[in-house]
Amino acid sequence: MRIADLYVRVSTDEQADRGFSQRNQEEVLVRYCKNNGIEVNRIVYEDFSAKTFFRPEWSKLLGQLGEKGNKSNLILFTKWDRFSRNAGDAYMMINTLRNLGVEPQAIEQPLDLPFLKTK
């Protein structure tokens, strides 16, 4: 069974004006999960820049994913820029997540990154 944590991030008021609001992202992600038979475990809201992964809510989520008994095997976000704005850091984080048994995916920009798959 696919169980997802939904990651909803904004960093400026301007993003809310352009349709990147947390409410909009949440609605899109929840609808996607419902339409694809994915159970939602938790929704994480972040109001922080994606220049690095040193973000309060992301750090908390990463810790929870590493705990014994974690149910989530997906992290979903709307677009890759909600996840990271630094390609090198994003690739490293994708590998970290995969080593935890968690697959990250942007539902509006899905990618298959087989070169990052772990054993």
N, C-alpha and C. Protein backbone atom coordinates (compact mmCIF):
# COMPACT_ATOMS: atom_id res chain seq x y z
N MET A 1 0.84 -1.19 0.00
CA MET A 1 0.00 0.00 0.00
C MET A 1 0.88 1.25 0.00
N ARG A 2 0.48 2.22 -0.78
CA ARG A 2 1.22 3.48 -0.84
C ARG A 2 0.67 4.44 0.22
N ILE A 3 1.57 4.92 1.05
CA ILE A 3 1.22 5.84 2.13
C ILE A 3 2.14 7.05 2.00
N ALA A 4 1.54 8.24 1.93
CA ALA A 4 2.32 9.44 1.64
C ALA A 4 2.27 10.48 2.75
N ASP A 5 3.38 11.17 2.87
CA ASP A 5 3.43 12.43 3.59
C ASP A 5 3.37 13.51 2.51
N LEU A 6 2.57 14.52 2.74
CA LEU A 6 2.42 15.61 1.78
C LEU A 6 3.24 16.79 2.28
N TYR A 7 4.09 17.33 1.42
CA TYR A 7 4.95 18.44 1.80
C TYR A 7 4.49 19.69 1.06
N VAL A 8 4.06 20.66 1.83
CA VAL A 8 3.48 21.91 1.32
C VAL A 8 4.39 23.05 1.77
N ARG A 9 5.00 23.76 0.80
CA ARG A 9 5.97 24.80 1.15
C ARG A 9 5.75 26.09 0.38
N VAL A 10 5.83 27.19 1.10
CA VAL A 10 5.90 28.52 0.50
C VAL A 10 7.01 29.27 1.23
N SER A 11 7.52 30.32 0.57
CA SER A 11 8.54 31.12 1.25
C SER A 11 8.26 32.61 1.19
N THR A 12 7.31 33.04 0.37
CA THR A 12 7.01 34.47 0.29
C THR A 12 5.52 34.70 0.11
N ASP A 13 5.05 35.88 0.45
CA ASP A 13 3.66 36.24 0.22
C ASP A 13 3.34 36.26 -1.27
N GLU A 14 4.35 36.60 -2.09
CA GLU A 14 4.16 36.68 -3.53
C GLU A 14 3.72 35.32 -4.10
N GLN A 15 4.24 34.24 -3.56
CA GLN A 15 3.87 32.91 -4.04
C GLN A 15 2.39 32.65 -3.83
N ALA A 16 1.85 33.11 -2.74
CA ALA A 16 0.43 32.92 -2.49
C ALA A 16 -0.41 33.60 -3.55
N ASP A 17 0.08 34.76 -4.03
CA ASP A 17 -0.65 35.49 -5.07
C ASP A 17 -0.60 34.80 -6.43
N ARG A 18 0.38 33.94 -6.65
CA ARG A 18 0.56 33.28 -7.94
C ARG A 18 0.02 31.84 -7.94
N GLY A 19 -0.74 31.47 -6.94
CA GLY A 19 -1.32 30.14 -6.93
C GLY A 19 -0.48 29.08 -6.26
N PHE A 20 0.55 29.51 -5.52
CA PHE A 20 1.39 28.55 -4.81
C PHE A 20 1.00 28.48 -3.34
N SER A 21 -0.15 29.00 -2.98
CA SER A 21 -0.53 29.05 -1.57
C SER A 21 -0.54 27.65 -0.96
N GLN A 22 -0.34 27.62 0.34
CA GLN A 22 -0.37 26.33 1.03
C GLN A 22 -1.72 25.65 0.85
N ARG A 23 -2.78 26.42 0.91
CA ARG A 23 -4.12 25.85 0.74
C ARG A 23 -4.26 25.21 -0.64
N ASN A 24 -3.82 25.90 -1.68
CA ASN A 24 -3.90 25.38 -3.04
C ASN A 24 -3.07 24.11 -3.18
N GLN A 25 -1.84 24.12 -2.69
CA GLN A 25 -0.98 22.94 -2.78
C GLN A 25 -1.62 21.76 -2.05
N GLU A 26 -2.13 22.00 -0.87
CA GLU A 26 -2.76 20.93 -0.10
C GLU A 26 -3.95 20.33 -0.85
N GLU A 27 -4.81 21.17 -1.41
CA GLU A 27 -5.97 20.67 -2.14
C GLU A 27 -5.56 19.80 -3.33
N VAL A 28 -4.55 20.24 -4.07
CA VAL A 28 -4.08 19.50 -5.24
C VAL A 28 -3.50 18.15 -4.81
N LEU A 29 -2.70 18.15 -3.75
CA LEU A 29 -2.07 16.92 -3.28
C LEU A 29 -3.09 15.93 -2.73
N VAL A 30 -4.02 16.41 -1.94
CA VAL A 30 -5.05 15.53 -1.37
C VAL A 30 -5.91 14.92 -2.48
N ARG A 31 -6.28 15.74 -3.45
CA ARG A 31 -7.08 15.24 -4.58
C ARG A 31 -6.30 14.17 -5.36
N TYR A 32 -5.02 14.41 -5.59
CA TYR A 32 -4.17 13.44 -6.29
C TYR A 32 -4.15 12.10 -5.53
N CYS A 33 -3.97 12.18 -4.24
CA CYS A 33 -3.93 10.95 -3.43
C CYS A 33 -5.26 10.21 -3.50
N LYS A 34 -6.33 10.94 -3.38
CA LYS A 34 -7.66 10.32 -3.44
C LYS A 34 -7.88 9.64 -4.79
N ASN A 35 -7.50 10.30 -5.86
CA ASN A 35 -7.69 9.76 -7.22
C ASN A 35 -6.77 8.59 -7.53
N ASN A 36 -5.68 8.44 -6.77
CA ASN A 36 -4.70 7.40 -7.06
C ASN A 36 -4.59 6.34 -5.96
N GLY A 37 -5.55 6.34 -5.05
CA GLY A 37 -5.58 5.32 -4.01
C GLY A 37 -4.39 5.37 -3.05
N ILE A 38 -3.92 6.56 -2.76
CA ILE A 38 -2.78 6.75 -1.85
C ILE A 38 -3.31 7.25 -0.51
N GLU A 39 -2.94 6.58 0.55
CA GLU A 39 -3.34 7.01 1.89
C GLU A 39 -2.44 8.15 2.34
N VAL A 40 -3.02 9.18 2.94
CA VAL A 40 -2.25 10.30 3.46
C VAL A 40 -1.94 10.05 4.92
N ASN A 41 -0.66 10.04 5.25
CA ASN A 41 -0.23 9.84 6.63
C ASN A 41 -0.21 11.16 7.39
N ARG A 42 0.44 12.16 6.83
CA ARG A 42 0.49 13.48 7.47
C ARG A 42 0.74 14.55 6.40
N ILE A 43 0.39 15.77 6.75
CA ILE A 43 0.63 16.92 5.88
C ILE A 43 1.58 17.85 6.63
N VAL A 44 2.68 18.19 5.97
CA VAL A 44 3.70 19.04 6.58
C VAL A 44 3.66 20.39 5.88
N TYR A 45 3.54 21.45 6.68
CA TYR A 45 3.50 22.81 6.15
C TYR A 45 4.80 23.51 6.49
N GLU A 46 5.44 24.08 5.46
CA GLU A 46 6.71 24.77 5.65
C GLU A 46 6.60 26.18 5.09
N ASP A 47 7.13 27.14 5.82
CA ASP A 47 7.18 28.53 5.38
C ASP A 47 8.65 28.95 5.45
N PHE A 48 9.42 28.43 4.48
CA PHE A 48 10.87 28.60 4.55
C PHE A 48 11.45 28.43 3.15
N SER A 49 12.58 29.04 2.89
CA SER A 49 13.23 28.95 1.58
C SER A 49 13.69 27.53 1.28
N ALA A 50 13.71 27.17 -0.01
CA ALA A 50 14.17 25.85 -0.44
C ALA A 50 15.60 25.89 -0.96
N LYS A 51 16.36 26.92 -0.59
CA LYS A 51 17.75 27.01 -1.04
C LYS A 51 18.60 25.90 -0.43
N THR A 52 18.25 25.49 0.79
CA THR A 52 18.92 24.38 1.45
C THR A 52 17.86 23.50 2.12
N PHE A 53 18.30 22.36 2.64
CA PHE A 53 17.38 21.50 3.39
C PHE A 53 17.42 21.78 4.88
N PHE A 54 18.08 22.87 5.28
CA PHE A 54 18.07 23.28 6.67
C PHE A 54 16.80 24.09 6.93
N ARG A 55 15.70 23.34 6.96
CA ARG A 55 14.37 23.92 7.17
C ARG A 55 13.76 23.23 8.38
N PRO A 56 13.13 23.98 9.26
CA PRO A 56 12.61 23.38 10.51
C PRO A 56 11.66 22.20 10.30
N GLU A 57 10.64 22.37 9.49
CA GLU A 57 9.66 21.30 9.34
C GLU A 57 10.22 20.14 8.53
N TRP A 58 11.08 20.43 7.55
CA TRP A 58 11.71 19.36 6.78
C TRP A 58 12.58 18.50 7.70
N SER A 59 13.36 19.15 8.55
CA SER A 59 14.23 18.41 9.48
C SER A 59 13.41 17.51 10.40
N LYS A 60 12.30 18.03 10.87
CA LYS A 60 11.41 17.24 11.73
C LYS A 60 10.86 16.03 10.95
N LEU A 61 10.41 16.26 9.72
CA LEU A 61 9.87 15.19 8.89
C LEU A 61 10.93 14.12 8.62
N LEU A 62 12.13 14.54 8.29
CA LEU A 62 13.20 13.60 8.00
C LEU A 62 13.48 12.71 9.22
N GLY A 63 13.46 13.31 10.39
CA GLY A 63 13.64 12.53 11.63
C GLY A 63 12.52 11.51 11.81
N GLN A 64 11.29 11.91 11.53
CA GLN A 64 10.15 11.00 11.66
C GLN A 64 10.24 9.86 10.66
N LEU A 65 10.73 10.14 9.46
CA LEU A 65 10.86 9.10 8.44
C LEU A 65 11.88 8.05 8.84
N GLY A 66 12.87 8.45 9.62
CA GLY A 66 13.91 7.54 10.06
C GLY A 66 13.54 6.72 11.29
N GLU A 67 12.42 7.04 11.91
CA GLU A 67 12.00 6.33 13.12
C GLU A 67 11.45 4.95 12.80
N LYS A 68 11.67 4.03 13.72
CA LYS A 68 11.11 2.70 13.59
C LYS A 68 9.58 2.84 13.59
N GLY A 69 8.94 2.11 12.72
CA GLY A 69 7.48 2.16 12.66
C GLY A 69 6.94 3.22 11.72
N ASN A 70 7.83 3.94 11.02
CA ASN A 70 7.36 4.91 10.03
C ASN A 70 6.51 4.20 8.99
N LYS A 71 5.34 4.75 8.70
CA LYS A 71 4.43 4.13 7.74
C LYS A 71 4.58 4.66 6.32
N SER A 72 5.12 5.84 6.17
CA SER A 72 5.16 6.50 4.86
C SER A 72 6.21 5.90 3.94
N ASN A 73 5.83 5.71 2.67
CA ASN A 73 6.79 5.28 1.66
C ASN A 73 6.83 6.25 0.48
N LEU A 74 6.14 7.38 0.62
CA LEU A 74 6.15 8.44 -0.40
C LEU A 74 6.20 9.80 0.30
N ILE A 75 6.86 10.75 -0.35
CA ILE A 75 6.71 12.17 -0.01
C ILE A 75 6.27 12.82 -1.29
N LEU A 76 5.12 13.46 -1.24
CA LEU A 76 4.58 14.11 -2.43
C LEU A 76 4.55 15.62 -2.22
N PHE A 77 4.85 16.33 -3.30
CA PHE A 77 4.78 17.79 -3.33
C PHE A 77 4.31 18.14 -4.73
N THR A 78 3.88 19.36 -4.95
CA THR A 78 3.30 19.71 -6.24
C THR A 78 4.35 19.81 -7.34
N LYS A 79 5.43 20.55 -7.09
CA LYS A 79 6.48 20.77 -8.09
C LYS A 79 7.85 20.62 -7.42
N TRP A 80 8.85 20.36 -8.22
CA TRP A 80 10.19 20.14 -7.68
C TRP A 80 10.74 21.36 -6.96
N ASP A 81 10.33 22.57 -7.34
CA ASP A 81 10.84 23.74 -6.62
C ASP A 81 10.24 23.87 -5.23
N ARG A 82 9.20 23.13 -4.93
CA ARG A 82 8.67 23.07 -3.56
C ARG A 82 9.58 22.20 -2.70
N PHE A 83 10.28 21.25 -3.33
CA PHE A 83 11.19 20.33 -2.65
C PHE A 83 12.56 20.97 -2.46
N SER A 84 13.13 21.50 -3.54
CA SER A 84 14.47 22.09 -3.48
C SER A 84 14.71 23.00 -4.66
N ARG A 85 15.57 23.99 -4.45
CA ARG A 85 15.99 24.87 -5.53
C ARG A 85 17.47 24.68 -5.84
N ASN A 86 18.05 23.60 -5.33
CA ASN A 86 19.45 23.30 -5.55
C ASN A 86 19.55 21.85 -6.03
N ALA A 87 19.90 21.65 -7.30
CA ALA A 87 19.89 20.31 -7.90
C ALA A 87 20.81 19.34 -7.18
N GLY A 88 22.02 19.77 -6.84
CA GLY A 88 22.95 18.87 -6.15
C GLY A 88 22.42 18.40 -4.81
N ASP A 89 21.89 19.35 -4.02
CA ASP A 89 21.30 18.99 -2.73
C ASP A 89 20.08 18.11 -2.92
N ALA A 90 19.29 18.38 -3.95
CA ALA A 90 18.09 17.58 -4.20
C ALA A 90 18.46 16.14 -4.49
N TYR A 91 19.47 15.90 -5.33
CA TYR A 91 19.89 14.53 -5.65
C TYR A 91 20.36 13.80 -4.39
N MET A 92 21.13 14.50 -3.56
CA MET A 92 21.60 13.87 -2.32
C MET A 92 20.43 13.53 -1.40
N MET A 93 19.46 14.44 -1.31
CA MET A 93 18.31 14.19 -0.44
C MET A 93 17.44 13.07 -0.99
N ILE A 94 17.31 12.99 -2.30
CA ILE A 94 16.55 11.89 -2.91
C ILE A 94 17.19 10.55 -2.51
N ASN A 95 18.51 10.47 -2.56
CA ASN A 95 19.20 9.25 -2.15
C ASN A 95 18.99 8.96 -0.67
N THR A 96 19.05 10.00 0.16
CA THR A 96 18.81 9.83 1.59
C THR A 96 17.42 9.26 1.83
N LEU A 97 16.43 9.82 1.15
CA LEU A 97 15.05 9.35 1.31
C LEU A 97 14.90 7.91 0.83
N ARG A 98 15.48 7.61 -0.30
CA ARG A 98 15.38 6.25 -0.83
C ARG A 98 16.03 5.24 0.10
N ASN A 99 17.11 5.63 0.75
CA ASN A 99 17.74 4.74 1.73
C ASN A 99 16.84 4.50 2.94
N LEU A 100 15.90 5.41 3.17
CA LEU A 100 14.90 5.24 4.23
C LEU A 100 13.66 4.51 3.72
N GLY A 101 13.66 4.16 2.44
CA GLY A 101 12.51 3.47 1.85
C GLY A 101 11.39 4.41 1.44
N VAL A 102 11.74 5.67 1.20
CA VAL A 102 10.75 6.69 0.86
C VAL A 102 11.06 7.26 -0.52
N GLU A 103 10.04 7.32 -1.36
CA GLU A 103 10.19 7.84 -2.72
C GLU A 103 9.62 9.26 -2.80
N PRO A 104 10.44 10.26 -3.15
CA PRO A 104 9.92 11.62 -3.33
C PRO A 104 9.39 11.79 -4.75
N GLN A 105 8.32 12.58 -4.90
CA GLN A 105 7.78 12.80 -6.24
C GLN A 105 6.98 14.11 -6.30
N ALA A 106 7.19 14.85 -7.39
CA ALA A 106 6.41 16.05 -7.67
C ALA A 106 5.26 15.62 -8.58
N ILE A 107 4.04 15.76 -8.09
CA ILE A 107 2.89 15.21 -8.83
C ILE A 107 2.62 15.96 -10.14
N GLU A 108 3.01 17.23 -10.23
CA GLU A 108 2.78 17.99 -11.45
C GLU A 108 3.97 17.94 -12.40
N GLN A 109 5.08 17.36 -11.95
CA GLN A 109 6.29 17.22 -12.76
C GLN A 109 6.94 15.87 -12.45
N PRO A 110 6.22 14.78 -12.66
CA PRO A 110 6.77 13.48 -12.26
C PRO A 110 8.05 13.13 -13.04
N LEU A 111 9.00 12.58 -12.31
CA LEU A 111 10.27 12.16 -12.91
C LEU A 111 10.56 10.73 -12.51
N ASP A 112 11.16 10.00 -13.42
CA ASP A 112 11.69 8.68 -13.10
C ASP A 112 13.20 8.84 -13.07
N LEU A 113 13.78 8.69 -11.91
CA LEU A 113 15.22 8.90 -11.76
C LEU A 113 15.92 7.58 -11.44
N PRO A 114 15.96 6.65 -12.40
CA PRO A 114 16.50 5.32 -12.11
C PRO A 114 17.97 5.34 -11.73
N PHE A 115 18.73 6.34 -12.17
CA PHE A 115 20.15 6.39 -11.84
C PHE A 115 20.38 6.66 -10.36
N LEU A 116 19.36 7.07 -9.65
CA LEU A 116 19.49 7.32 -8.22
C LEU A 116 19.00 6.15 -7.37
N LYS A 117 18.43 5.15 -7.99
CA LYS A 117 17.85 4.05 -7.23
C LYS A 117 18.93 3.33 -6.42
N THR A 118 18.54 3.00 -5.19
CA THR A 118 19.45 2.28 -4.32
C THR A 118 19.13 0.80 -4.37
N LYS A 119 20.02 0.01 -3.82
CA LYS A 119 19.83 -1.44 -3.84
C LYS A 119 18.67 -1.89 -3.00
